[in-house]
PDB file of all heavy atoms in Angstrom:
ATOM      1  N   VAL A   1      15.440 -15.287  16.677  1.00  0.00           N
ATOM      2  CA  VAL A   1      16.226 -16.208  17.493  1.00  0.00           C
ATOM      3  C   VAL A   1      15.380 -17.233  18.240  1.00  0.00           C
ATOM      4  O   VAL A   1      15.923 -18.209  18.775  1.00  0.00           O
ATOM      5  CB  VAL A   1      17.076 -15.429  18.522  1.00  0.00           C
ATOM      6  CG1 VAL A   1      18.071 -14.535  17.818  1.00  0.00           C
ATOM      7  CG2 VAL A   1      16.183 -14.600  19.456  1.00  0.00           C
ATOM      8  N   TYR A   2      14.064 -17.059  18.280  1.00  0.00           N
ATOM      9  CA  TYR A   2      13.259 -17.873  19.195  1.00  0.00           C
ATOM     10  C   TYR A   2      13.239 -19.362  18.841  1.00  0.00           C
ATOM     11  O   TYR A   2      13.423 -20.206  19.716  1.00  0.00           O
ATOM     12  CB  TYR A   2      11.864 -17.281  19.336  1.00  0.00           C
ATOM     13  CG  TYR A   2      11.935 -15.900  19.952  1.00  0.00           C
ATOM     14  CD1 TYR A   2      11.748 -14.758  19.188  1.00  0.00           C
ATOM     15  CD2 TYR A   2      12.266 -15.743  21.291  1.00  0.00           C
ATOM     16  CE1 TYR A   2      11.869 -13.490  19.740  1.00  0.00           C
ATOM     17  CE2 TYR A   2      12.389 -14.481  21.863  1.00  0.00           C
ATOM     18  CZ  TYR A   2      12.188 -13.361  21.085  1.00  0.00           C
ATOM     19  OH  TYR A   2      12.329 -12.112  21.641  1.00  0.00           O
ATOM     20  N   PRO A   3      13.032 -19.750  17.573  1.00  0.00           N
ATOM     21  CA  PRO A   3      13.161 -21.179  17.265  1.00  0.00           C
ATOM     22  C   PRO A   3      14.609 -21.637  17.125  1.00  0.00           C
ATOM     23  O   PRO A   3      14.871 -22.837  17.027  1.00  0.00           O
ATOM     24  CB  PRO A   3      12.428 -21.320  15.921  1.00  0.00           C
ATOM     25  CG  PRO A   3      11.701 -20.041  15.716  1.00  0.00           C
ATOM     26  CD  PRO A   3      12.499 -19.008  16.435  1.00  0.00           C
ATOM     27  N   GLY A   4      15.545 -20.695  17.078  1.00  0.00           N
ATOM     28  CA  GLY A   4      16.951 -21.048  16.908  1.00  0.00           C
ATOM     29  C   GLY A   4      17.357 -21.056  15.447  1.00  0.00           C
ATOM     30  O   GLY A   4      16.642 -20.587  14.558  1.00  0.00           O
ATOM     31  N   ARG A   5      18.547 -21.613  15.197  1.00  0.00           N
ATOM     32  CA  ARG A   5      19.099 -21.684  13.841  1.00  0.00           C
ATOM     33  C   ARG A   5      18.547 -22.936  13.155  1.00  0.00           C
ATOM     34  O   ARG A   5      18.802 -24.056  13.595  1.00  0.00           O
ATOM     35  CB  ARG A   5      20.630 -21.706  13.915  1.00  0.00           C
ATOM     36  CG  ARG A   5      21.215 -20.404  14.460  1.00  0.00           C
ATOM     37  CD  ARG A   5      22.688 -20.522  14.767  1.00  0.00           C
ATOM     38  NE  ARG A   5      22.917 -21.316  15.966  1.00  0.00           N
ATOM     39  CZ  ARG A   5      24.115 -21.781  16.336  1.00  0.00           C
ATOM     40  NH1 ARG A   5      25.176 -21.560  15.577  1.00  0.00           N
ATOM     41  NH2 ARG A   5      24.238 -22.477  17.441  1.00  0.00           N
ATOM     42  N   GLN A   6      17.819 -22.729  12.063  1.00  0.00           N
ATOM     43  CA  GLN A   6      17.068 -23.810  11.437  1.00  0.00           C
ATOM     44  C   GLN A   6      17.797 -24.357  10.208  1.00  0.00           C
ATOM     45  O   GLN A   6      18.573 -23.656   9.565  1.00  0.00           O
ATOM     46  CB  GLN A   6      15.680 -23.314  11.063  1.00  0.00           C
ATOM     47  CG  GLN A   6      14.958 -22.669  12.257  1.00  0.00           C
ATOM     48  CD  GLN A   6      13.492 -22.395  11.989  1.00  0.00           C
ATOM     49  OE1 GLN A   6      12.731 -23.284  11.656  1.00  0.00           O
ATOM     50  NE2 GLN A   6      13.091 -21.141  12.154  1.00  0.00           N
ATOM     51  N   GLY A   7      17.524 -25.619   9.867  1.00  0.00           N
ATOM     52  CA  GLY A   7      18.211 -26.286   8.780  1.00  0.00           C
ATOM     53  C   GLY A   7      17.651 -25.904   7.417  1.00  0.00           C
ATOM     54  O   GLY A   7      16.467 -26.109   7.142  1.00  0.00           O
ATOM     55  N   ILE A   8      18.501 -25.375   6.544  1.00  0.00           N
ATOM     56  CA  ILE A   8      18.127 -24.862   5.224  1.00  0.00           C
ATOM     57  C   ILE A   8      18.854 -25.669   4.156  1.00  0.00           C
ATOM     58  O   ILE A   8      20.010 -26.078   4.343  1.00  0.00           O
ATOM     59  CB  ILE A   8      18.509 -23.373   5.079  1.00  0.00           C
ATOM     60  CG1 ILE A   8      18.028 -22.565   6.274  1.00  0.00           C
ATOM     61  CG2 ILE A   8      17.965 -22.795   3.777  1.00  0.00           C
ATOM     62  CD1 ILE A   8      16.545 -22.512   6.428  1.00  0.00           C
ATOM     63  N   LEU A   9      18.205 -25.871   3.033  1.00  0.00           N
ATOM     64  CA  LEU A   9      18.796 -26.617   1.915  1.00  0.00           C
ATOM     65  C   LEU A   9      18.781 -25.766   0.657  1.00  0.00           C
ATOM     66  O   LEU A   9      17.753 -25.181   0.303  1.00  0.00           O
ATOM     67  CB  LEU A   9      18.009 -27.909   1.662  1.00  0.00           C
ATOM     68  CG  LEU A   9      18.563 -28.815   0.556  1.00  0.00           C
ATOM     69  CD1 LEU A   9      19.850 -29.502   1.012  1.00  0.00           C
ATOM     70  CD2 LEU A   9      17.517 -29.849   0.132  1.00  0.00           C
ATOM     71  N   ASP A  10      19.927 -25.717  -0.036  1.00  0.00           N
ATOM     72  CA  ASP A  10      20.008 -25.018  -1.319  1.00  0.00           C
ATOM     73  C   ASP A  10      20.969 -25.730  -2.251  1.00  0.00           C
ATOM     74  O   ASP A  10      21.969 -26.317  -1.807  1.00  0.00           O
ATOM     75  CB  ASP A  10      20.458 -23.564  -1.117  1.00  0.00           C
ATOM     76  CG  ASP A  10      19.283 -22.638  -0.872  1.00  0.00           C
ATOM     77  OD1 ASP A  10      18.385 -22.588  -1.741  1.00  0.00           O
ATOM     78  OD2 ASP A  10      19.248 -21.976   0.180  1.00  0.00           O
ATOM     79  N   GLU A  11      20.668 -25.644  -3.539  1.00  0.00           N
ATOM     80  CA  GLU A  11      21.535 -26.260  -4.541  1.00  0.00           C
ATOM     81  C   GLU A  11      22.795 -25.418  -4.737  1.00  0.00           C
ATOM     82  O   GLU A  11      22.753 -24.185  -4.723  1.00  0.00           O
ATOM     83  CB  GLU A  11      20.806 -26.407  -5.875  1.00  0.00           C
ATOM     84  CG  GLU A  11      21.629 -27.138  -6.928  1.00  0.00           C
ATOM     85  CD  GLU A  11      20.904 -27.317  -8.254  1.00  0.00           C
ATOM     86  OE1 GLU A  11      19.732 -26.914  -8.347  1.00  0.00           O
ATOM     87  OE2 GLU A  11      21.535 -27.849  -9.193  1.00  0.00           O
ATOM     88  N   VAL A  12      23.904 -26.104  -4.925  1.00  0.00           N
ATOM     89  CA  VAL A  12      25.170 -25.469  -5.286  1.00  0.00           C
ATOM     90  C   VAL A  12      25.371 -25.661  -6.790  1.00  0.00           C
ATOM     91  O   VAL A  12      25.313 -26.791  -7.280  1.00  0.00           O
ATOM     92  CB  VAL A  12      26.355 -26.102  -4.541  1.00  0.00           C
ATOM     93  CG1 VAL A  12      27.658 -25.402  -4.912  1.00  0.00           C
ATOM     94  CG2 VAL A  12      26.128 -26.070  -3.038  1.00  0.00           C
ATOM     95  N   THR A  13      25.566 -24.578  -7.521  1.00  0.00           N
ATOM     96  CA  THR A  13      25.897 -24.684  -8.935  1.00  0.00           C
ATOM     97  C   THR A  13      27.324 -24.184  -9.145  1.00  0.00           C
ATOM     98  O   THR A  13      27.895 -23.504  -8.285  1.00  0.00           O
ATOM     99  CB  THR A  13      24.916 -23.893  -9.806  1.00  0.00           C
ATOM    100  OG1 THR A  13      24.934 -22.518  -9.415  1.00  0.00           O
ATOM    101  CG2 THR A  13      23.500 -24.442  -9.648  1.00  0.00           C
ATOM    102  N   TRP A  14      27.879 -24.508 -10.316  1.00  0.00           N
ATOM    103  CA  TRP A  14      29.284 -24.200 -10.571  1.00  0.00           C
ATOM    104  C   TRP A  14      29.406 -23.359 -11.837  1.00  0.00           C
ATOM    105  O   TRP A  14      28.869 -23.713 -12.884  1.00  0.00           O
ATOM    106  CB  TRP A  14      30.096 -25.489 -10.699  1.00  0.00           C
ATOM    107  CG  TRP A  14      30.040 -26.313  -9.442  1.00  0.00           C
ATOM    108  CD1 TRP A  14      29.072 -27.196  -9.070  1.00  0.00           C
ATOM    109  CD2 TRP A  14      30.986 -26.276  -8.361  1.00  0.00           C
ATOM    110  NE1 TRP A  14      29.341 -27.734  -7.833  1.00  0.00           N
ATOM    111  CE2 TRP A  14      30.519 -27.187  -7.368  1.00  0.00           C
ATOM    112  CE3 TRP A  14      32.173 -25.581  -8.131  1.00  0.00           C
ATOM    113  CZ2 TRP A  14      31.192 -27.414  -6.174  1.00  0.00           C
ATOM    114  CZ3 TRP A  14      32.850 -25.805  -6.939  1.00  0.00           C
ATOM    115  CH2 TRP A  14      32.372 -26.703  -5.979  1.00  0.00           C
ATOM    116  N   GLY A  15      30.093 -22.231 -11.722  1.00  0.00           N
ATOM    117  CA  GLY A  15      30.257 -21.334 -12.855  1.00  0.00           C
ATOM    118  C   GLY A  15      31.353 -21.794 -13.801  1.00  0.00           C
ATOM    119  O   GLY A  15      32.134 -22.707 -13.499  1.00  0.00           O
ATOM    120  N   GLU A  16      31.421 -21.153 -14.951  1.00  0.00           N
ATOM    121  CA  GLU A  16      32.457 -21.477 -15.925  1.00  0.00           C
ATOM    122  C   GLU A  16      33.854 -21.182 -15.397  1.00  0.00           C
ATOM    123  O   GLU A  16      34.840 -21.739 -15.877  1.00  0.00           O
ATOM    124  CB  GLU A  16      32.208 -20.697 -17.216  1.00  0.00           C
ATOM    125  CG  GLU A  16      30.936 -21.119 -17.938  1.00  0.00           C
ATOM    126  CD  GLU A  16      30.739 -20.361 -19.248  1.00  0.00           C
ATOM    127  OE1 GLU A  16      31.607 -19.502 -19.563  1.00  0.00           O
ATOM    128  OE2 GLU A  16      29.742 -20.620 -19.945  1.00  0.00           O
ATOM    129  N   ASP A  17      33.928 -20.294 -14.406  1.00  0.00           N
ATOM    130  CA  ASP A  17      35.224 -19.974 -13.795  1.00  0.00           C
ATOM    131  C   ASP A  17      35.642 -21.012 -12.759  1.00  0.00           C
ATOM    132  O   ASP A  17      36.702 -20.891 -12.132  1.00  0.00           O
ATOM    133  CB  ASP A  17      35.186 -18.584 -13.161  1.00  0.00           C
ATOM    134  CG  ASP A  17      34.086 -18.446 -12.094  1.00  0.00           C
ATOM    135  OD1 ASP A  17      33.374 -19.431 -11.823  1.00  0.00           O
ATOM    136  OD2 ASP A  17      33.948 -17.328 -11.551  1.00  0.00           O
ATOM    137  N   GLY A  18      34.785 -22.024 -12.550  1.00  0.00           N
ATOM    138  CA  GLY A  18      35.118 -23.080 -11.598  1.00  0.00           C
ATOM    139  C   GLY A  18      34.708 -22.805 -10.172  1.00  0.00           C
ATOM    140  O   GLY A  18      34.864 -23.684  -9.305  1.00  0.00           O
ATOM    141  N   TRP A  19      34.150 -21.638  -9.893  1.00  0.00           N
ATOM    142  CA  TRP A  19      33.731 -21.310  -8.529  1.00  0.00           C
ATOM    143  C   TRP A  19      32.278 -21.715  -8.293  1.00  0.00           C
ATOM    144  O   TRP A  19      31.444 -21.620  -9.191  1.00  0.00           O
ATOM    145  CB  TRP A  19      33.879 -19.816  -8.264  1.00  0.00           C
ATOM    146  CG  TRP A  19      35.285 -19.333  -8.101  1.00  0.00           C
ATOM    147  CD1 TRP A  19      36.017 -18.616  -9.001  1.00  0.00           C
ATOM    148  CD2 TRP A  19      36.126 -19.511  -6.962  1.00  0.00           C
ATOM    149  NE1 TRP A  19      37.262 -18.322  -8.500  1.00  0.00           N
ATOM    150  CE2 TRP A  19      37.361 -18.874  -7.243  1.00  0.00           C
ATOM    151  CE3 TRP A  19      35.978 -20.157  -5.731  1.00  0.00           C
ATOM    152  CZ2 TRP A  19      38.421 -18.853  -6.341  1.00  0.00           C
ATOM    153  CZ3 TRP A  19      37.031 -20.133  -4.829  1.00  0.00           C
ATOM    154  CH2 TRP A  19      38.245 -19.494  -5.139  1.00  0.00           C
ATOM    155  N   PRO A  20      31.944 -22.139  -7.068  1.00  0.00           N
ATOM    156  CA  PRO A  20      30.546 -22.466  -6.738  1.00  0.00           C
ATOM    157  C   PRO A  20      29.733 -21.212  -6.484  1.00  0.00           C
ATOM    158  O   PRO A  20      30.279 -20.152  -6.144  1.00  0.00           O
ATOM    159  CB  PRO A  20      30.673 -23.303  -5.466  1.00  0.00           C
ATOM    160  CG  PRO A  20      31.904 -22.766  -4.799  1.00  0.00           C
ATOM    161  CD  PRO A  20      32.845 -22.405  -5.923  1.00  0.00           C
ATOM    162  N   LYS A  21      28.420 -21.330  -6.634  1.00  0.00           N
ATOM    163  CA  LYS A  21      27.542 -20.201  -6.359  1.00  0.00           C
ATOM    164  C   LYS A  21      26.163 -20.696  -5.966  1.00  0.00           C
ATOM    165  O   LYS A  21      25.800 -21.852  -6.201  1.00  0.00           O
ATOM    166  CB  LYS A  21      27.443 -19.273  -7.570  1.00  0.00           C
ATOM    167  CG  LYS A  21      26.970 -19.942  -8.844  1.00  0.00           C
ATOM    168  CD  LYS A  21      27.001 -18.972 -10.024  1.00  0.00           C
ATOM    169  CE  LYS A  21      26.583 -19.662 -11.318  1.00  0.00           C
ATOM    170  NZ  LYS A  21      26.620 -18.720 -12.470  1.00  0.00           N
ATOM    171  N   PHE A  22      25.403 -19.806  -5.342  1.00  0.00           N
ATOM    172  CA  PHE A  22      24.022 -20.069  -4.953  1.00  0.00           C
ATOM    173  C   PHE A  22      23.107 -19.093  -5.683  1.00  0.00           C
ATOM    174  O   PHE A  22      23.492 -17.947  -5.954  1.00  0.00           O
ATOM    175  CB  PHE A  22      23.840 -19.892  -3.438  1.00  0.00           C
ATOM    176  CG  PHE A  22      24.649 -20.836  -2.607  1.00  0.00           C
ATOM    177  CD1 PHE A  22      25.857 -20.433  -2.050  1.00  0.00           C
ATOM    178  CD2 PHE A  22      24.216 -22.131  -2.390  1.00  0.00           C
ATOM    179  CE1 PHE A  22      26.620 -21.294  -1.286  1.00  0.00           C
ATOM    180  CE2 PHE A  22      24.963 -23.008  -1.619  1.00  0.00           C
ATOM    181  CZ  PHE A  22      26.176 -22.593  -1.068  1.00  0.00           C
ATOM    182  N   LYS A  23      21.892 -19.539  -5.978  1.00  0.00           N
ATOM    183  CA  LYS A  23      20.931 -18.670  -6.638  1.00  0.00           C
ATOM    184  C   LYS A  23      20.662 -17.446  -5.776  1.00  0.00           C
ATOM    185  O   LYS A  23      20.371 -17.554  -4.584  1.00  0.00           O
ATOM    186  CB  LYS A  23      19.625 -19.429  -6.885  1.00  0.00           C
ATOM    187  CG  LYS A  23      18.599 -18.648  -7.694  1.00  0.00           C
ATOM    188  CD  LYS A  23      17.362 -19.489  -7.957  1.00  0.00           C
ATOM    189  CE  LYS A  23      16.336 -18.717  -8.778  1.00  0.00           C
ATOM    190  NZ  LYS A  23      15.126 -19.542  -9.039  1.00  0.00           N
ATOM    191  N   ASN A  24      20.808 -16.274  -6.368  1.00  0.00           N
ATOM    192  CA  ASN A  24      20.591 -14.986  -5.687  1.00  0.00           C
ATOM    193  C   ASN A  24      21.556 -14.757  -4.528  1.00  0.00           C
ATOM    194  O   ASN A  24      21.363 -13.827  -3.744  1.00  0.00           O
ATOM    195  CB  ASN A  24      19.152 -14.865  -5.185  1.00  0.00           C
ATOM    196  CG  ASN A  24      18.136 -14.916  -6.306  1.00  0.00           C
ATOM    197  OD1 ASN A  24      18.373 -14.370  -7.390  1.00  0.00           O
ATOM    198  ND2 ASN A  24      17.014 -15.579  -6.075  1.00  0.00           N
ATOM    199  N   ASN A  25      22.568 -15.605  -4.410  1.00  0.00           N
ATOM    200  CA  ASN A  25      23.565 -15.446  -3.342  1.00  0.00           C
ATOM    201  C   ASN A  25      22.935 -15.338  -1.952  1.00  0.00           C
ATOM    202  O   ASN A  25      23.471 -14.666  -1.058  1.00  0.00           O
ATOM    203  CB  ASN A  25      24.452 -14.221  -3.594  1.00  0.00           C
ATOM    204  CG  ASN A  25      25.234 -14.339  -4.879  1.00  0.00           C
ATOM    205  OD1 ASN A  25      24.879 -13.723  -5.883  1.00  0.00           O
ATOM    206  ND2 ASN A  25      26.279 -15.149  -4.874  1.00  0.00           N
ATOM    207  N   SER A  26      21.817 -16.023  -1.768  1.00  0.00           N
ATOM    208  CA  SER A  26      21.131 -15.968  -0.476  1.00  0.00           C
ATOM    209  C   SER A  26      20.218 -17.182  -0.344  1.00  0.00           C
ATOM    210  O   SER A  26      19.939 -17.875  -1.326  1.00  0.00           O
ATOM    211  CB  SER A  26      20.323 -14.670  -0.359  1.00  0.00           C
ATOM    212  OG  SER A  26      19.304 -14.629  -1.334  1.00  0.00           O
ATOM    213  N   PRO A  27      19.726 -17.462   0.861  1.00  0.00           N
ATOM    214  CA  PRO A  27      18.870 -18.633   1.061  1.00  0.00           C
ATOM    215  C   PRO A  27      17.579 -18.550   0.261  1.00  0.00           C
ATOM    216  O   PRO A  27      16.995 -17.474   0.092  1.00  0.00           O
ATOM    217  CB  PRO A  27      18.588 -18.601   2.569  1.00  0.00           C
ATOM    218  CG  PRO A  27      19.723 -17.828   3.158  1.00  0.00           C
ATOM    219  CD  PRO A  27      20.064 -16.793   2.147  1.00  0.00           C
ATOM    220  N   SER A  28      17.119 -19.697  -0.205  1.00  0.00           N
ATOM    221  CA  SER A  28      15.863 -19.742  -0.949  1.00  0.00           C
ATOM    222  C   SER A  28      14.689 -19.907   0.008  1.00  0.00           C
ATOM    223  O   SER A  28      14.835 -20.430   1.116  1.00  0.00           O
ATOM    224  CB  SER A  28      15.881 -20.896  -1.946  1.00  0.00           C
ATOM    225  OG  SER A  28      15.972 -22.136  -1.269  1.00  0.00           O
ATOM    226  N   VAL A  29      13.527 -19.471  -0.452  1.00  0.00           N
ATOM    227  CA  VAL A  29      12.292 -19.701   0.292  1.00  0.00           C
ATOM    228  C   VAL A  29      11.688 -21.022  -0.154  1.00  0.00           C
ATOM    229  O   VAL A  29      11.384 -21.889   0.661  1.00  0.00           O
ATOM    230  CB  VAL A  29      11.299 -18.542   0.080  1.00  0.00           C
ATOM    231  CG1 VAL A  29       9.971 -18.840   0.786  1.00  0.00           C
ATOM    232  CG2 VAL A  29      11.885 -17.243   0.588  1.00  0.00           C
ATOM    233  N   THR A  30      11.508 -21.180  -1.458  1.00  0.00           N
ATOM    234  CA  THR A  30      11.035 -22.444  -2.026  1.00  0.00           C
ATOM    235  C   THR A  30      12.017 -22.877  -3.105  1.00  0.00           C
ATOM    236  O   THR A  30      12.660 -22.048  -3.754  1.00  0.00           O
ATOM    237  CB  THR A  30       9.634 -22.302  -2.635  1.00  0.00           C
ATOM    238  OG1 THR A  30       9.670 -21.303  -3.663  1.00  0.00           O
ATOM    239  CG2 THR A  30       8.626 -21.912  -1.575  1.00  0.00           C
ATOM    240  N   ALA A  31      12.143 -24.173  -3.291  1.00  0.00           N
ATOM    241  CA  ALA A  31      13.076 -24.707  -4.290  1.00  0.00           C
ATOM    242  C   ALA A  31      12.639 -26.129  -4.636  1.00  0.00           C
ATOM    243  O   ALA A  31      11.566 -26.588  -4.222  1.00  0.00           O
ATOM    244  CB  ALA A  31      14.507 -24.670  -3.772  1.00  0.00           C
ATOM    245  N   GLU A  32      13.484 -26.817  -5.372  1.00  0.00           N
ATOM    246  CA  GLU A  32      13.156 -28.150  -5.849  1.00  0.00           C
ATOM    247  C   GLU A  32      14.401 -29.007  -5.840  1.00  0.00           C
ATOM    248  O   GLU A  32      15.504 -28.529  -6.134  1.00  0.00           O
ATOM    249  CB  GLU A  32      12.597 -28.047  -7.268  1.00  0.00           C
ATOM    250  CG  GLU A  32      11.936 -29.292  -7.792  1.00  0.00           C
ATOM    251  CD  GLU A  32      11.263 -29.041  -9.129  1.00  0.00           C
ATOM    252  OE1 GLU A  32      10.079 -28.639  -9.139  1.00  0.00           O
ATOM    253  OE2 GLU A  32      11.936 -29.225 -10.158  1.00  0.00           O
ATOM    254  N   VAL A  33      14.233 -30.268  -5.473  1.00  0.00           N
ATOM    255  CA  VAL A  33      15.340 -31.227  -5.562  1.00  0.00           C
ATOM    256  C   VAL A  33      14.925 -32.347  -6.505  1.00  0.00           C
ATOM    257  O   VAL A  33      13.762 -32.766  -6.515  1.00  0.00           O
ATOM    258  CB  VAL A  33      15.720 -31.818  -4.180  1.00  0.00           C
ATOM    259  CG1 VAL A  33      16.358 -30.774  -3.302  1.00  0.00           C
ATOM    260  CG2 VAL A  33      14.524 -32.433  -3.494  1.00  0.00           C
ATOM    261  N   GLN A  34      15.872 -32.799  -7.305  1.00  0.00           N
ATOM    262  CA  GLN A  34      15.648 -33.935  -8.191  1.00  0.00           C
ATOM    263  C   GLN A  34      16.444 -35.088  -7.612  1.00  0.00           C
ATOM    264  O   GLN A  34      17.508 -35.449  -8.083  1.00  0.00           O
ATOM    265  CB  GLN A  34      16.126 -33.616  -9.614  1.00  0.00           C
ATOM    266  CG  GLN A  34      15.849 -34.697 -10.639  1.00  0.00           C
ATOM    267  CD  GLN A  34      14.414 -34.682 -11.114  1.00  0.00           C
ATOM    268  OE1 GLN A  34      13.771 -33.666 -11.060  1.00  0.00           O
ATOM    269  NE2 GLN A  34      13.926 -35.822 -11.572  1.00  0.00           N
ATOM    270  N   THR A  35      15.921 -35.638  -6.525  1.00  0.00           N
ATOM    271  CA  THR A  35      16.714 -36.610  -5.798  1.00  0.00           C
ATOM    272  C   THR A  35      15.834 -37.553  -5.012  1.00  0.00           C
ATOM    273  O   THR A  35      14.787 -37.157  -4.500  1.00  0.00           O
ATOM    274  CB  THR A  35      17.692 -35.919  -4.832  1.00  0.00           C
ATOM    275  OG1 THR A  35      18.417 -36.911  -4.117  1.00  0.00           O
ATOM    276  CG2 THR A  35      16.980 -35.028  -3.853  1.00  0.00           C
ATOM    277  N   GLY A  36      16.237 -38.804  -4.954  1.00  0.00           N
ATOM    278  CA  GLY A  36      15.554 -39.762  -4.104  1.00  0.00           C
ATOM    279  C   GLY A  36      14.106 -39.952  -4.472  1.00  0.00           C
ATOM    280  O   GLY A  36      13.711 -39.882  -5.631  1.00  0.00           O
ATOM    281  N   ALA A  37      13.276 -40.175  -3.474  1.00  0.00           N
ATOM    282  CA  ALA A  37      11.854 -40.413  -3.668  1.00  0.00           C
ATOM    283  C   ALA A  37      11.068 -39.516  -2.737  1.00  0.00           C
ATOM    284  O   ALA A  37      11.575 -39.041  -1.733  1.00  0.00           O
ATOM    285  CB  ALA A  37      11.524 -41.874  -3.376  1.00  0.00           C
ATOM    286  N   SER A  38       9.829 -39.281  -3.102  1.00  0.00           N
ATOM    287  CA  SER A  38       8.957 -38.508  -2.230  1.00  0.00           C
ATOM    288  C   SER A  38       8.673 -39.322  -0.976  1.00  0.00           C
ATOM    289  O   SER A  38       8.227 -40.461  -1.050  1.00  0.00           O
ATOM    290  CB  SER A  38       7.656 -38.171  -2.949  1.00  0.00           C
ATOM    291  OG  SER A  38       6.821 -37.408  -2.108  1.00  0.00           O
ATOM    292  N   SER A  39       8.952 -38.745   0.165  1.00  0.00           N
ATOM    293  CA  SER A  39       8.810 -39.471   1.424  1.00  0.00           C
ATOM    294  C   SER A  39       7.365 -39.505   1.881  1.00  0.00           C
ATOM    295  O   SER A  39       6.608 -38.560   1.694  1.00  0.00           O
ATOM    296  CB  SER A  39       9.673 -38.804   2.504  1.00  0.00           C
ATOM    297  OG  SER A  39       9.433 -39.379   3.756  1.00  0.00           O
ATOM    298  N   GLU A  40       6.972 -40.634   2.495  1.00  0.00           N
ATOM    299  CA  GLU A  40       5.643 -40.727   3.075  1.00  0.00           C
ATOM    300  C   GLU A  40       5.593 -40.043   4.434  1.00  0.00           C
ATOM    301  O   GLU A  40       4.523 -39.736   4.940  1.00  0.00           O
ATOM    302  CB  GLU A  40       5.240 -42.202   3.218  1.00  0.00           C
ATOM    303  CG  GLU A  40       5.100 -42.929   1.886  1.00  0.00           C
ATOM    304  CD  GLU A  40       4.681 -44.374   2.074  1.00  0.00           C
ATOM    305  OE1 GLU A  40       4.544 -44.793   3.246  1.00  0.00           O
ATOM    306  OE2 GLU A  40       4.513 -45.079   1.070  1.00  0.00           O
TER     307      GLU A  40
END
């Protein structure tokens, strides 16, 4: 609790049943985004 609730990012994927899901159904430690540009 000391730093508080921190901002986390994860990809949402969609199953054949039409429902969304997250990898491992839990927050990721490391991941990758294919978006935008690498920030300076």
